[in-house]
Amino acid sequence: MNAMAEDLSNTVSSGMAHARDTASNVVDSARRTADQAVDRGKGLASDAATTATDAVRSAREKGSELADSATGLAAEIQAIARRNPLTAMLGAVAVGVLIGSMAKGSRQQRP
């Protein structure tokens, strides 16, 4: 009887050790998976931040180029107006008439 109890005790002990090992392996696997997910999330966040920074930089450069072009165009129009004031005035009147007729046409089209 004593041998049977000892065998049973050994079997239970072996089963408990196996269960501890399995639980430990599961916990380690879950920890590795969580660490990988965190690392992947950090990588994605870093990539998104880099992309956003690049987009802002590109938009700033394009805006600066556009502002420089507009400034150059304004200076050129101002120089033309100083050289030919009558032509500039006639051009401004023509543009005003065109805008006015477009505005009047859009008001007439509305029901």
PDB file of N, CA and C in Angstrom:
ATOM      1  N   MET A   1       0.809  -1.170   0.000  1.00  0.00           N
ATOM      2  CA  MET A   1       0.000   0.000   0.000  1.00  0.00           C
ATOM      3  C   MET A   1       0.864   1.250   0.000  1.00  0.00           C
ATOM      4  N   ASN A   2       1.924   1.203   0.751  1.00  0.00           N
ATOM      5  CA  ASN A   2       2.841   2.325   0.853  1.00  0.00           C
ATOM      6  C   ASN A   2       3.473   2.629  -0.501  1.00  0.00           C
ATOM      7  N   ALA A   3       3.801   1.594  -1.258  1.00  0.00           N
ATOM      8  CA  ALA A   3       4.386   1.770  -2.591  1.00  0.00           C
ATOM      9  C   ALA A   3       3.373   2.405  -3.525  1.00  0.00           C
ATOM     10  N   MET A   4       2.107   2.036  -3.388  1.00  0.00           N
ATOM     11  CA  MET A   4       1.054   2.590  -4.227  1.00  0.00           C
ATOM     12  C   MET A   4       0.867   4.082  -3.933  1.00  0.00           C
ATOM     13  N   ALA A   5       0.914   4.438  -2.663  1.00  0.00           N
ATOM     14  CA  ALA A   5       0.773   5.842  -2.264  1.00  0.00           C
ATOM     15  C   ALA A   5       1.965   6.640  -2.767  1.00  0.00           C
ATOM     16  N   GLU A   6       3.131   6.012  -2.717  1.00  0.00           N
ATOM     17  CA  GLU A   6       4.328   6.700  -3.211  1.00  0.00           C
ATOM     18  C   GLU A   6       4.265   6.893  -4.718  1.00  0.00           C
ATOM     19  N   ASP A   7       3.789   5.907  -5.454  1.00  0.00           N
ATOM     20  CA  ASP A   7       3.619   6.030  -6.909  1.00  0.00           C
ATOM     21  C   ASP A   7       2.614   7.140  -7.241  1.00  0.00           C
ATOM     22  N   LEU A   8       1.521   7.148  -6.486  1.00  0.00           N
ATOM     23  CA  LEU A   8       0.511   8.177  -6.695  1.00  0.00           C
ATOM     24  C   LEU A   8       1.083   9.564  -6.394  1.00  0.00           C
ATOM     25  N   SER A   9       1.854   9.658  -5.341  1.00  0.00           N
ATOM     26  CA  SER A   9       2.483  10.924  -4.971  1.00  0.00           C
ATOM     27  C   SER A   9       3.460  11.373  -6.054  1.00  0.00           C
ATOM     28  N   ASN A  10       4.227  10.440  -6.596  1.00  0.00           N
ATOM     29  CA  ASN A  10       5.179  10.751  -7.665  1.00  0.00           C
ATOM     30  C   ASN A  10       4.435  11.207  -8.928  1.00  0.00           C
ATOM     31  N   THR A  11       3.329  10.521  -9.224  1.00  0.00           N
ATOM     32  CA  THR A  11       2.539  10.873 -10.401  1.00  0.00           C
ATOM     33  C   THR A  11       1.960  12.277 -10.252  1.00  0.00           C
ATOM     34  N   VAL A  12       1.421  12.566  -9.066  1.00  0.00           N
ATOM     35  CA  VAL A  12       0.849  13.899  -8.807  1.00  0.00           C
ATOM     36  C   VAL A  12       1.955  14.946  -8.873  1.00  0.00           C
ATOM     37  N   SER A  13       3.088  14.682  -8.285  1.00  0.00           N
ATOM     38  CA  SER A  13       4.210  15.622  -8.309  1.00  0.00           C
ATOM     39  C   SER A  13       4.677  15.863  -9.738  1.00  0.00           C
ATOM     40  N   SER A  14       4.763  14.780 -10.503  1.00  0.00           N
ATOM     41  CA  SER A  14       5.177  14.909 -11.904  1.00  0.00           C
ATOM     42  C   SER A  14       4.154  15.720 -12.696  1.00  0.00           C
ATOM     43  N   GLY A  15       2.877  15.454 -12.455  1.00  0.00           N
ATOM     44  CA  GLY A  15       1.819  16.213 -13.128  1.00  0.00           C
ATOM     45  C   GLY A  15       1.862  17.686 -12.753  1.00  0.00           C
ATOM     46  N   MET A  16       2.096  17.979 -11.487  1.00  0.00           N
ATOM     47  CA  MET A  16       2.191  19.374 -11.019  1.00  0.00           C
ATOM     48  C   MET A  16       3.398  20.068 -11.655  1.00  0.00           C
ATOM     49  N   ALA A  17       4.520  19.370 -11.740  1.00  0.00           N
ATOM     50  CA  ALA A  17       5.712  19.959 -12.362  1.00  0.00           C
ATOM     51  C   ALA A  17       5.451  20.228 -13.834  1.00  0.00           C
ATOM     52  N   HIS A  18       4.797  19.285 -14.485  1.00  0.00           N
ATOM     53  CA  HIS A  18       4.458  19.461 -15.899  1.00  0.00           C
ATOM     54  C   HIS A  18       3.496  20.643 -16.067  1.00  0.00           C
ATOM     55  N   ALA A  19       2.522  20.768 -15.201  1.00  0.00           N
ATOM     56  CA  ALA A  19       1.571  21.879 -15.262  1.00  0.00           C
ATOM     57  C   ALA A  19       2.290  23.213 -15.031  1.00  0.00           C
ATOM     58  N   ARG A  20       3.232  23.254 -14.072  1.00  0.00           N
ATOM     59  CA  ARG A  20       4.015  24.481 -13.819  1.00  0.00           C
ATOM     60  C   ARG A  20       4.838  24.855 -15.044  1.00  0.00           C
ATOM     61  N   ASP A  21       5.482  23.841 -15.650  1.00  0.00           N
ATOM     62  CA  ASP A  21       6.290  24.096 -16.843  1.00  0.00           C
ATOM     63  C   ASP A  21       5.418  24.612 -17.990  1.00  0.00           C
ATOM     64  N   THR A  22       4.254  23.992 -18.167  1.00  0.00           N
ATOM     65  CA  THR A  22       3.340  24.415 -19.230  1.00  0.00           C
ATOM     66  C   THR A  22       2.856  25.847 -18.981  1.00  0.00           C
ATOM     67  N   ALA A  23       2.483  26.131 -17.739  1.00  0.00           N
ATOM     68  CA  ALA A  23       2.016  27.475 -17.394  1.00  0.00           C
ATOM     69  C   ALA A  23       3.137  28.493 -17.596  1.00  0.00           C
ATOM     70  N   SER A  24       4.337  28.133 -17.208  1.00  0.00           N
ATOM     71  CA  SER A  24       5.483  29.025 -17.387  1.00  0.00           C
ATOM     72  C   SER A  24       5.743  29.288 -18.863  1.00  0.00           C
ATOM     73  N   ASN A  25       5.640  28.231 -19.671  1.00  0.00           N
ATOM     74  CA  ASN A  25       5.834  28.386 -21.113  1.00  0.00           C
ATOM     75  C   ASN A  25       4.754  29.281 -21.725  1.00  0.00           C
ATOM     76  N   VAL A  26       3.521  29.107 -21.272  1.00  0.00           N
ATOM     77  CA  VAL A  26       2.421  29.930 -21.774  1.00  0.00           C
ATOM     78  C   VAL A  26       2.642  31.396 -21.399  1.00  0.00           C
ATOM     79  N   VAL A  27       3.041  31.639 -20.155  1.00  0.00           N
ATOM     80  CA  VAL A  27       3.304  33.011 -19.703  1.00  0.00           C
ATOM     81  C   VAL A  27       4.462  33.614 -20.497  1.00  0.00           C
ATOM     82  N   ASP A  28       5.525  32.854 -20.696  1.00  0.00           N
ATOM     83  CA  ASP A  28       6.656  33.357 -21.478  1.00  0.00           C
ATOM     84  C   ASP A  28       6.245  33.655 -22.917  1.00  0.00           C
ATOM     85  N   SER A  29       5.457  32.779 -23.496  1.00  0.00           N
ATOM     86  CA  SER A  29       4.985  32.995 -24.867  1.00  0.00           C
ATOM     87  C   SER A  29       4.105  34.238 -24.946  1.00  0.00           C
ATOM     88  N   ALA A  30       3.230  34.410 -23.972  1.00  0.00           N
ATOM     89  CA  ALA A  30       2.369  35.605 -23.947  1.00  0.00           C
ATOM     90  C   ALA A  30       3.205  36.867 -23.774  1.00  0.00           C
ATOM     91  N   ARG A  31       4.215  36.798 -22.941  1.00  0.00           N
ATOM     92  CA  ARG A  31       5.097  37.951 -22.720  1.00  0.00           C
ATOM     93  C   ARG A  31       5.840  38.311 -24.011  1.00  0.00           C
ATOM     94  N   ARG A  32       6.358  37.296 -24.700  1.00  0.00           N
ATOM     95  CA  ARG A  32       7.056  37.558 -25.970  1.00  0.00           C
ATOM     96  C   ARG A  32       6.108  38.163 -27.003  1.00  0.00           C
ATOM     97  N   THR A  33       4.890  37.623 -27.076  1.00  0.00           N
ATOM     98  CA  THR A  33       3.899  38.148 -28.020  1.00  0.00           C
ATOM     99  C   THR A  33       3.553  39.593 -27.692  1.00  0.00           C
ATOM    100  N   ALA A  34       3.364  39.892 -26.414  1.00  0.00           N
ATOM    101  CA  ALA A  34       3.059  41.266 -26.004  1.00  0.00           C
ATOM    102  C   ALA A  34       4.235  42.194 -26.312  1.00  0.00           C
ATOM    103  N   ASP A  35       5.455  41.739 -26.047  1.00  0.00           N
ATOM    104  CA  ASP A  35       6.630  42.550 -26.353  1.00  0.00           C
ATOM    105  C   ASP A  35       6.738  42.824 -27.853  1.00  0.00           C
ATOM    106  N   GLN A  36       6.463  41.795 -28.658  1.00  0.00           N
ATOM    107  CA  GLN A  36       6.495  41.979 -30.112  1.00  0.00           C
ATOM    108  C   GLN A  36       5.425  42.961 -30.567  1.00  0.00           C
ATOM    109  N   ALA A  37       4.240  42.877 -29.961  1.00  0.00           N
ATOM    110  CA  ALA A  37       3.158  43.803 -30.318  1.00  0.00           C
ATOM    111  C   ALA A  37       3.525  45.235 -29.939  1.00  0.00           C
ATOM    112  N   VAL A  38       4.135  45.409 -28.780  1.00  0.00           N
ATOM    113  CA  VAL A  38       4.556  46.742 -28.352  1.00  0.00           C
ATOM    114  C   VAL A  38       5.636  47.282 -29.294  1.00  0.00           C
ATOM    115  N   ASP A  39       6.603  46.434 -29.619  1.00  0.00           N
ATOM    116  CA  ASP A  39       7.659  46.858 -30.543  1.00  0.00           C
ATOM    117  C   ASP A  39       7.083  47.218 -31.911  1.00  0.00           C
ATOM    118  N   ARG A  40       6.134  46.435 -32.377  1.00  0.00           N
ATOM    119  CA  ARG A  40       5.487  46.713 -33.677  1.00  0.00           C
ATOM    120  C   ARG A  40       4.716  48.031 -33.610  1.00  0.00           C
ATOM    121  N   GLY A  41       4.024  48.246 -32.502  1.00  0.00           N
ATOM    122  CA  GLY A  41       3.294  49.503 -32.314  1.00  0.00           C
ATOM    123  C   GLY A  41       4.231  50.691 -32.283  1.00  0.00           C
ATOM    124  N   LYS A  42       5.353  50.548 -31.602  1.00  0.00           N
ATOM    125  CA  LYS A  42       6.339  51.630 -31.568  1.00  0.00           C
ATOM    126  C   LYS A  42       6.874  51.916 -32.962  1.00  0.00           C
ATOM    127  N   GLY A  43       7.133  50.855 -33.709  1.00  0.00           N
ATOM    128  CA  GLY A  43       7.629  51.030 -35.073  1.00  0.00           C
ATOM    129  C   GLY A  43       6.615  51.730 -35.954  1.00  0.00           C
ATOM    130  N   LEU A  44       5.347  51.326 -35.842  1.00  0.00           N
ATOM    131  CA  LEU A  44       4.299  51.969 -36.637  1.00  0.00           C
ATOM    132  C   LEU A  44       4.134  53.432 -36.247  1.00  0.00           C
ATOM    133  N   ALA A  45       4.189  53.720 -34.953  1.00  0.00           N
ATOM    134  CA  ALA A  45       4.071  55.106 -34.494  1.00  0.00           C
ATOM    135  C   ALA A  45       5.245  55.944 -34.995  1.00  0.00           C
ATOM    136  N   SER A  46       6.428  55.361 -34.975  1.00  0.00           N
ATOM    137  CA  SER A  46       7.608  56.066 -35.476  1.00  0.00           C
ATOM    138  C   SER A  46       7.487  56.335 -36.975  1.00  0.00           C
ATOM    139  N   ASP A  47       7.019  55.329 -37.711  1.00  0.00           N
ATOM    140  CA  ASP A  47       6.834  55.504 -39.161  1.00  0.00           C
ATOM    141  C   ASP A  47       5.794  56.579 -39.448  1.00  0.00           C
ATOM    142  N   ALA A  48       4.703  56.581 -38.679  1.00  0.00           N
ATOM    143  CA  ALA A  48       3.656  57.589 -38.872  1.00  0.00           C
ATOM    144  C   ALA A  48       4.185  58.982 -38.557  1.00  0.00           C
ATOM    145  N   ALA A  49       4.970  59.102 -37.503  1.00  0.00           N
ATOM    146  CA  ALA A  49       5.538  60.407 -37.139  1.00  0.00           C
ATOM    147  C   ALA A  49       6.498  60.895 -38.221  1.00  0.00           C
ATOM    148  N   THR A  50       7.296  59.995 -38.758  1.00  0.00           N
ATOM    149  CA  THR A  50       8.226  60.363 -39.823  1.00  0.00           C
ATOM    150  C   THR A  50       7.466  60.803 -41.067  1.00  0.00           C
ATOM    151  N   THR A  51       6.419  60.069 -41.415  1.00  0.00           N
ATOM    152  CA  THR A  51       5.613  60.427 -42.583  1.00  0.00           C
ATOM    153  C   THR A  51       4.945  61.775 -42.391  1.00  0.00           C
ATOM    154  N   ALA A  52       4.402  62.016 -41.203  1.00  0.00           N
ATOM    155  CA  ALA A  52       3.755  63.293 -40.923  1.00  0.00           C
ATOM    156  C   ALA A  52       4.764  64.436 -40.970  1.00  0.00           C
ATOM    157  N   THR A  53       5.939  64.224 -40.421  1.00  0.00           N
ATOM    158  CA  THR A  53       6.982  65.253 -40.443  1.00  0.00           C
ATOM    159  C   THR A  53       7.396  65.565 -41.870  1.00  0.00           C
ATOM    160  N   ASP A  54       7.560  64.524 -42.685  1.00  0.00           N
ATOM    161  CA  ASP A  54       7.919  64.729 -44.094  1.00  0.00           C
ATOM    162  C   ASP A  54       6.827  65.489 -44.836  1.00  0.00           C
ATOM    163  N   ALA A  55       5.556  65.163 -44.546  1.00  0.00           N
ATOM    164  CA  ALA A  55       4.442  65.849 -45.210  1.00  0.00           C
ATOM    165  C   ALA A  55       4.407  67.322 -44.823  1.00  0.00           C
ATOM    166  N   VAL A  56       4.625  67.618 -43.544  1.00  0.00           N
ATOM    167  CA  VAL A  56       4.640  69.006 -43.088  1.00  0.00           C
ATOM    168  C   VAL A  56       5.801  69.762 -43.731  1.00  0.00           C
ATOM    169  N   ARG A  57       6.950  69.136 -43.780  1.00  0.00           N
ATOM    170  CA  ARG A  57       8.122  69.773 -44.389  1.00  0.00           C
ATOM    171  C   ARG A  57       7.865  70.069 -45.866  1.00  0.00           C
ATOM    172  N   SER A  58       7.283  69.093 -46.569  1.00  0.00           N
ATOM    173  CA  SER A  58       6.976  69.269 -47.991  1.00  0.00           C
ATOM    174  C   SER A  58       5.959  70.373 -48.192  1.00  0.00           C
ATOM    175  N   ALA A  59       4.918  70.401 -47.360  1.00  0.00           N
ATOM    176  CA  ALA A  59       3.895  71.450 -47.475  1.00  0.00           C
ATOM    177  C   ALA A  59       4.509  72.821 -47.195  1.00  0.00           C
ATOM    178  N   ARG A  60       5.385  72.894 -46.224  1.00  0.00           N
ATOM    179  CA  ARG A  60       6.046  74.166 -45.908  1.00  0.00           C
ATOM    180  C   ARG A  60       6.894  74.643 -47.092  1.00  0.00           C
ATOM    181  N   GLU A  61       7.620  73.712 -47.707  1.00  0.00           N
ATOM    182  CA  GLU A  61       8.445  74.086 -48.866  1.00  0.00           C
ATOM    183  C   GLU A  61       7.583  74.545 -50.031  1.00  0.00           C
ATOM    184  N   LYS A  62       6.485  73.809 -50.299  1.00  0.00           N
ATOM    185  CA  LYS A  62       5.590  74.193 -51.394  1.00  0.00           C
ATOM    186  C   LYS A  62       4.948  75.547 -51.110  1.00  0.00           C
ATOM    187  N   GLY A  63       4.539  75.772 -49.872  1.00  0.00           N
ATOM    188  CA  GLY A  63       3.950  77.056 -49.496  1.00  0.00           C
ATOM    189  C   GLY A  63       4.941  78.192 -49.661  1.00  0.00           C
ATOM    190  N   SER A  64       6.176  77.943 -49.289  1.00  0.00           N
ATOM    191  CA  SER A  64       7.216  78.956 -49.435  1.00  0.00           C
ATOM    192  C   SER A  64       7.464  79.270 -50.908  1.00  0.00           C
ATOM    193  N   GLU A  65       7.508  78.224 -51.737  1.00  0.00           N
ATOM    194  CA  GLU A  65       7.687  78.423 -53.181  1.00  0.00           C
ATOM    195  C   GLU A  65       6.519  79.206 -53.772  1.00  0.00           C
ATOM    196  N   LEU A  66       5.308  78.877 -53.341  1.00  0.00           N
ATOM    197  CA  LEU A  66       4.114  79.568 -53.825  1.00  0.00           C
ATOM    198  C   LEU A  66       4.133  81.034 -53.394  1.00  0.00           C
ATOM    199  N   ALA A  67       4.522  81.286 -52.161  1.00  0.00           N
ATOM    200  CA  ALA A  67       4.602  82.665 -51.672  1.00  0.00           C
ATOM    201  C   ALA A  67       5.649  83.456 -52.456  1.00  0.00           C
ATOM    202  N   ASP A  68       6.785  82.822 -52.730  1.00  0.00           N
ATOM    203  CA  ASP A  68       7.820  83.499 -53.518  1.00  0.00           C
ATOM    204  C   ASP A  68       7.312  83.812 -54.927  1.00  0.00           C
ATOM    205  N   SER A  69       6.587  82.858 -55.524  1.00  0.00           N
ATOM    206  CA  SER A  69       6.033  83.080 -56.865  1.00  0.00           C
ATOM    207  C   SER A  69       5.016  84.210 -56.850  1.00  0.00           C
ATOM    208  N   ALA A  70       4.154  84.221 -55.836  1.00  0.00           N
ATOM    209  CA  ALA A  70       3.131  85.268 -55.743  1.00  0.00           C
ATOM    210  C   ALA A  70       3.775  86.632 -55.531  1.00  0.00           C
ATOM    211  N   THR A  71       4.809  86.681 -54.723  1.00  0.00           N
ATOM    212  CA  THR A  71       5.515  87.946 -54.485  1.00  0.00           C
ATOM    213  C   THR A  71       6.163  88.436 -55.764  1.00  0.00           C
ATOM    214  N   GLY A  72       6.788  87.520 -56.496  1.00  0.00           N
ATOM    215  CA  GLY A  72       7.411  87.887 -57.776  1.00  0.00           C
ATOM    216  C   GLY A  72       6.377  88.356 -58.785  1.00  0.00           C
ATOM    217  N   LEU A  73       5.239  87.679 -58.846  1.00  0.00           N
ATOM    218  CA  LEU A  73       4.178  88.066 -59.771  1.00  0.00           C
ATOM    219  C   LEU A  73       3.613  89.435 -59.397  1.00  0.00           C
ATOM    220  N   ALA A  74       3.402  89.673 -58.119  1.00  0.00           N
ATOM    221  CA  ALA A  74       2.890  90.971 -57.665  1.00  0.00           C
ATOM    222  C   ALA A  74       3.875  92.094 -58.006  1.00  0.00           C
ATOM    223  N   ALA A  75       5.152  91.832 -57.817  1.00  0.00           N
ATOM    224  CA  ALA A  75       6.165  92.838 -58.148  1.00  0.00           C
ATOM    225  C   ALA A  75       6.186  93.110 -59.649  1.00  0.00           C
ATOM    226  N   GLU A  76       6.034  92.058 -60.434  1.00  0.00           N
ATOM    227  CA  GLU A  76       6.024  92.222 -61.888  1.00  0.00           C
ATOM    228  C   GLU A  76       4.791  93.023 -62.338  1.00  0.00           C
ATOM    229  N   ILE A  77       3.631  92.694 -61.780  1.00  0.00           N
ATOM    230  CA  ILE A  77       2.403  93.441 -62.127  1.00  0.00           C
ATOM    231  C   ILE A  77       2.539  94.902 -61.701  1.00  0.00           C
ATOM    232  N   GLN A  78       3.123  95.138 -60.554  1.00  0.00           N
ATOM    233  CA  GLN A  78       3.321  96.511 -60.075  1.00  0.00           C
ATOM    234  C   GLN A  78       4.256  97.273 -61.018  1.00  0.00           C
ATOM    235  N   ALA A  79       5.312  96.628 -61.474  1.00  0.00           N
ATOM    236  CA  ALA A  79       6.244  97.278 -62.398  1.00  0.00           C
ATOM    237  C   ALA A  79       5.560  97.589 -63.725  1.00  0.00           C
ATOM    238  N   ILE A  80       4.735  96.675 -64.223  1.00  0.00           N
ATOM    239  CA  ILE A  80       3.996  96.915 -65.475  1.00  0.00           C
ATOM    240  C   ILE A  80       3.027  98.080 -65.291  1.00  0.00           C
ATOM    241  N   ALA A  81       2.340  98.110 -64.143  1.00  0.00           N
ATOM    242  CA  ALA A  81       1.386  99.196 -63.880  1.00  0.00           C
ATOM    243  C   ALA A  81       2.094 100.546 -63.797  1.00  0.00           C
ATOM    244  N   ARG A  82       3.295 100.572 -63.276  1.00  0.00           N
ATOM    245  CA  ARG A  82       4.042 101.844 -63.207  1.00  0.00           C
ATOM    246  C   ARG A  82       4.511 102.288 -64.588  1.00  0.00           C
ATOM    247  N   ARG A  83       4.880 101.343 -65.431  1.00  0.00           N
ATOM    248  CA  ARG A  83       5.333 101.694 -66.776  1.00  0.00           C
ATOM    249  C   ARG A  83       4.165 102.105 -67.670  1.00  0.00           C
ATOM    250  N   ASN A  84       3.027 101.414 -67.528  1.00  0.00           N
ATOM    251  CA  ASN A  84       1.854 101.654 -68.386  1.00  0.00           C
ATOM    252  C   ASN A  84       0.608 101.819 -67.514  1.00  0.00           C
ATOM    253  N   PRO A  85       0.424 102.955 -66.861  1.00  0.00           N
ATOM    254  CA  PRO A  85      -0.714 103.098 -65.942  1.00  0.00           C
ATOM    255  C   PRO A  85      -2.072 103.016 -66.645  1.00  0.00           C
ATOM    256  N   LEU A  86      -2.186 103.545 -67.853  1.00  0.00           N
ATOM    257  CA  LEU A  86      -3.463 103.512 -68.558  1.00  0.00           C
ATOM    258  C   LEU A  86      -3.836 102.069 -68.928  1.00  0.00           C
ATOM    259  N   THR A  87      -2.881 101.304 -69.393  1.00  0.00           N
ATOM    260  CA  THR A  87      -3.125  99.894 -69.732  1.00  0.00           C
ATOM    261  C   THR A  87      -3.519  99.113 -68.484  1.00  0.00           C
ATOM    262  N   ALA A  88      -2.852  99.384 -67.378  1.00  0.00           N
ATOM    263  CA  ALA A  88      -3.173  98.689 -66.119  1.00  0.00           C
ATOM    264  C   ALA A  88      -4.586  99.030 -65.675  1.00  0.00           C
ATOM    265  N   MET A  89      -4.979 100.303 -65.812  1.00  0.00           N
ATOM    266  CA  MET A  89      -6.318 100.708 -65.407  1.00  0.00           C
ATOM    267  C   MET A  89      -7.370 100.050 -66.298  1.00  0.00           C
ATOM    268  N   LEU A  90      -7.138 100.011 -67.609  1.00  0.00           N
ATOM    269  CA  LEU A  90      -8.076  99.365 -68.523  1.00  0.00           C
ATOM    270  C   LEU A  90      -8.173  97.858 -68.228  1.00  0.00           C
ATOM    271  N   GLY A  91      -7.059  97.250 -67.916  1.00  0.00           N
ATOM    272  CA  GLY A  91      -7.060  95.820 -67.559  1.00  0.00           C
ATOM    273  C   GLY A  91      -7.849  95.574 -66.280  1.00  0.00           C
ATOM    274  N   ALA A  92      -7.692  96.454 -65.285  1.00  0.00           N
ATOM    275  CA  ALA A  92      -8.429  96.306 -64.036  1.00  0.00           C
ATOM    276  C   ALA A  92      -9.924  96.464 -64.271  1.00  0.00           C
ATOM    277  N   VAL A  93     -10.314  97.427 -65.121  1.00  0.00           N
ATOM    278  CA  VAL A  93     -11.734  97.619 -65.440  1.00  0.00           C
ATOM    279  C   VAL A  93     -12.277  96.380 -66.151  1.00  0.00           C
ATOM    280  N   ALA A  94     -11.520  95.844 -67.087  1.00  0.00           N
ATOM    281  CA  ALA A  94     -11.963  94.648 -67.814  1.00  0.00           C
ATOM    282  C   ALA A  94     -12.151  93.467 -66.864  1.00  0.00           C
ATOM    283  N   VAL A  95     -11.219  93.293 -65.956  1.00  0.00           N
ATOM    284  CA  VAL A  95     -11.336  92.201 -64.978  1.00  0.00           C
ATOM    285  C   VAL A  95     -12.547  92.433 -64.090  1.00  0.00           C
ATOM    286  N   GLY A  96     -12.789  93.690 -63.680  1.00  0.00           N
ATOM    287  CA  GLY A  96     -13.952  93.998 -62.854  1.00  0.00           C
ATOM    288  C   GLY A  96     -15.255  93.715 -63.572  1.00  0.00           C
ATOM    289  N   VAL A  97     -15.340  94.085 -64.857  1.00  0.00           N
ATOM    290  CA  VAL A  97     -16.545  93.815 -65.642  1.00  0.00           C
ATOM    291  C   VAL A  97     -16.751  92.309 -65.776  1.00  0.00           C
ATOM    292  N   LEU A  98     -15.689  91.584 -66.031  1.00  0.00           N
ATOM    293  CA  LEU A  98     -15.782  90.129 -66.174  1.00  0.00           C
ATOM    294  C   LEU A  98     -16.282  89.486 -64.877  1.00  0.00           C
ATOM    295  N   ILE A  99     -15.724  89.885 -63.763  1.00  0.00           N
ATOM    296  CA  ILE A  99     -16.150  89.330 -62.468  1.00  0.00           C
ATOM    297  C   ILE A  99     -17.603  89.704 -62.191  1.00  0.00           C
ATOM    298  N   GLY A 100     -17.954  90.955 -62.477  1.00  0.00           N
ATOM    299  CA  GLY A 100     -19.338  91.388 -62.262  1.00  0.00           C
ATOM    300  C   GLY A 100     -20.322  90.609 -63.114  1.00  0.00           C
ATOM    301  N   SER A 101     -19.989  90.367 -64.377  1.00  0.00           N
ATOM    302  CA  SER A 101     -20.905  89.608 -65.238  1.00  0.00           C
ATOM    303  C   SER A 101     -20.997  88.155 -64.802  1.00  0.00           C
ATOM    304  N   MET A 102     -19.899  87.592 -64.312  1.00  0.00           N
ATOM    305  CA  MET A 102     -19.931  86.216 -63.798  1.00  0.00           C
ATOM    306  C   MET A 102     -20.798  86.149 -62.560  1.00  0.00           C
ATOM    307  N   ALA A 103     -20.686  87.122 -61.672  1.00  0.00           N
ATOM    308  CA  ALA A 103     -21.489  87.138 -60.449  1.00  0.00           C
ATOM    309  C   ALA A 103     -22.965  87.311 -60.792  1.00  0.00           C
ATOM    310  N   LYS A 104     -23.251  88.186 -61.747  1.00  0.00           N
ATOM    311  CA  LYS A 104     -24.648  88.410 -62.152  1.00  0.00           C
ATOM    312  C   LYS A 104     -25.207  87.142 -62.787  1.00  0.00           C
ATOM    313  N   GLY A 105     -24.428  86.475 -63.609  1.00  0.00           N
ATOM    314  CA  GLY A 105     -24.883  85.239 -64.252  1.00  0.00           C
ATOM    315  C   GLY A 105     -25.143  84.152 -63.244  1.00  0.00           C
ATOM    316  N   SER A 106     -24.330  84.043 -62.199  1.00  0.00           N
ATOM    317  CA  SER A 106     -24.541  82.992 -61.206  1.00  0.00           C
ATOM    318  C   SER A 106     -25.774  83.285 -60.365  1.00  0.00           C
ATOM    319  N   ARG A 107     -26.090  84.559 -60.145  1.00  0.00           N
ATOM    320  CA  ARG A 107     -27.303  84.905 -59.394  1.00  0.00           C
ATOM    321  C   ARG A 107     -28.564  84.624 -60.224  1.00  0.00           C
ATOM    322  N   GLN A 108     -28.480  84.811 -61.526  1.00  0.00           N
ATOM    323  CA  GLN A 108     -29.637  84.577 -62.379  1.00  0.00           C
ATOM    324  C   GLN A 108     -29.920  83.099 -62.552  1.00  0.00           C
ATOM    325  N   GLN A 109     -28.927  82.259 -62.420  1.00  0.00           N
ATOM    326  CA  GLN A 109     -29.108  80.817 -62.612  1.00  0.00           C
ATOM    327  C   GLN A 109     -29.774  80.173 -61.416  1.00  0.00           C
ATOM    328  N   ARG A 110     -29.715  80.789 -60.256  1.00  0.00           N
ATOM    329  CA  ARG A 110     -30.316  80.203 -59.054  1.00  0.00           C
ATOM    330  C   ARG A 110     -31.827  80.328 -59.118  1.00  0.00           C
ATOM    331  N   PRO A 111     -32.562  79.283 -58.761  1.00  0.00           N
ATOM    332  CA  PRO A 111     -34.043  79.355 -58.797  1.00  0.00           C
ATOM    333  C   PRO A 111     -34.603  80.157 -57.649  1.00  0.00           C
TER     334      PRO A 111
END
